[in-house]
């Protein structure tokens, strides 16, 4: 899932796995392909649930 920011257009600020306890109240589900695209484009991965590791995205 993705956590959008605040403001005009609400761009995504962080990607989480589906059951992450650290996700904020503003969140929406996204398909795996979109989560991968967001992570590779520079959107931050949650340091608690580590969606980048679960989606097998390496630095």
C-alpha atoms as a PDB file:
ATOM      1  CA  UNK A   1       0.000   0.000   0.000  1.00  0.00           C
ATOM      2  CA  UNK A   2       1.053   3.592  -0.467  1.00  0.00           C
ATOM      3  CA  UNK A   3       0.852   6.489   1.955  1.00  0.00           C
ATOM      4  CA  UNK A   4       0.086   9.758   0.157  1.00  0.00           C
ATOM      5  CA  UNK A   5       1.423  13.083   1.338  1.00  0.00           C
ATOM      6  CA  UNK A   6      -0.519  16.193   2.191  1.00  0.00           C
ATOM      7  CA  UNK A   7      -1.302  18.889  -0.308  1.00  0.00           C
ATOM      8  CA  UNK A   8      -1.907  19.442  -3.974  1.00  0.00           C
ATOM      9  CA  UNK A   9      -2.112  16.131  -5.818  1.00  0.00           C
ATOM     10  CA  UNK A  10      -1.064  14.206  -2.691  1.00  0.00           C
ATOM     11  CA  UNK A  11       2.030  12.527  -4.133  1.00  0.00           C
ATOM     12  CA  UNK A  12       3.074   9.260  -2.454  1.00  0.00           C
ATOM     13  CA  UNK A  13       5.632   9.624   0.314  1.00  0.00           C
ATOM     14  CA  UNK A  14       6.089   6.040   1.530  1.00  0.00           C
ATOM     15  CA  UNK A  15       5.361   2.452   0.466  1.00  0.00           C
ATOM     16  CA  UNK A  16       4.260  -0.164   3.031  1.00  0.00           C
ATOM     17  CA  UNK A  17       3.297  -3.828   2.982  1.00  0.00           C
ATOM     18  CA  UNK A  18      -0.388  -4.595   3.489  1.00  0.00           C
ATOM     19  CA  UNK A  19      -0.290  -5.286   7.208  1.00  0.00           C
ATOM     20  CA  UNK A  20       2.223  -2.674   8.339  1.00  0.00           C
ATOM     21  CA  UNK A  21       1.497  -1.226  11.777  1.00  0.00           C
ATOM     22  CA  UNK A  22       3.506   1.919  10.991  1.00  0.00           C
ATOM     23  CA  UNK A  23       1.365   3.042   8.047  1.00  0.00           C
ATOM     24  CA  UNK A  24      -0.462   6.301   8.655  1.00  0.00           C
ATOM     25  CA  UNK A  25      -4.191   6.856   8.391  1.00  0.00           C
ATOM     26  CA  UNK A  26      -3.883   8.173   4.832  1.00  0.00           C
ATOM     27  CA  UNK A  27      -3.186   5.087   2.755  1.00  0.00           C
ATOM     28  CA  UNK A  28      -4.481   3.251  -0.266  1.00  0.00           C
ATOM     29  CA  UNK A  29      -3.844  -0.186  -1.712  1.00  0.00           C
ATOM     30  CA  UNK A  30      -1.790  -0.473  -4.891  1.00  0.00           C
ATOM     31  CA  UNK A  31      -0.890  -3.451  -7.088  1.00  0.00           C
ATOM     32  CA  UNK A  32       2.585  -4.963  -6.705  1.00  0.00           C
ATOM     33  CA  UNK A  33       3.709  -3.539 -10.053  1.00  0.00           C
ATOM     34  CA  UNK A  34       2.829   0.000  -8.987  1.00  0.00           C
ATOM     35  CA  UNK A  35       4.582  -0.471  -5.638  1.00  0.00           C
ATOM     36  CA  UNK A  36       7.708  -1.643  -7.487  1.00  0.00           C
ATOM     37  CA  UNK A  37       7.515   1.334  -9.854  1.00  0.00           C
ATOM     38  CA  UNK A  38       7.145   3.779  -6.949  1.00  0.00           C
ATOM     39  CA  UNK A  39      10.057   2.260  -5.038  1.00  0.00           C
ATOM     40  CA  UNK A  40      12.371   2.298  -8.048  1.00  0.00           C
ATOM     41  CA  UNK A  41      11.400   5.912  -8.807  1.00  0.00           C
ATOM     42  CA  UNK A  42      12.586   7.061  -5.384  1.00  0.00           C
ATOM     43  CA  UNK A  43       9.554   6.847  -3.089  1.00  0.00           C
ATOM     44  CA  UNK A  44      10.745   5.869   0.384  1.00  0.00           C
ATOM     45  CA  UNK A  45      10.251   2.291   1.619  1.00  0.00           C
ATOM     46  CA  UNK A  46       8.980   1.856   5.174  1.00  0.00           C
ATOM     47  CA  UNK A  47      11.842   0.883   7.464  1.00  0.00           C
ATOM     48  CA  UNK A  48       9.535  -1.238   9.639  1.00  0.00           C
ATOM     49  CA  UNK A  49       7.877  -3.559   7.103  1.00  0.00           C
ATOM     50  CA  UNK A  50      10.553  -3.296   4.349  1.00  0.00           C
ATOM     51  CA  UNK A  51       8.378  -3.603   1.223  1.00  0.00           C
ATOM     52  CA  UNK A  52      11.469  -3.286  -0.991  1.00  0.00           C
ATOM     53  CA  UNK A  53      12.893  -6.506   0.458  1.00  0.00           C
ATOM     54  CA  UNK A  54       9.564  -8.313   0.164  1.00  0.00           C
ATOM     55  CA  UNK A  55       9.241  -7.231  -3.468  1.00  0.00           C
ATOM     56  CA  UNK A  56      12.889  -8.214  -4.049  1.00  0.00           C
ATOM     57  CA  UNK A  57      14.064  -4.766  -5.106  1.00  0.00           C
ATOM     58  CA  UNK A  58      17.789  -4.318  -4.608  1.00  0.00           C
ATOM     59  CA  UNK A  59      19.599  -0.970  -4.361  1.00  0.00           C
END
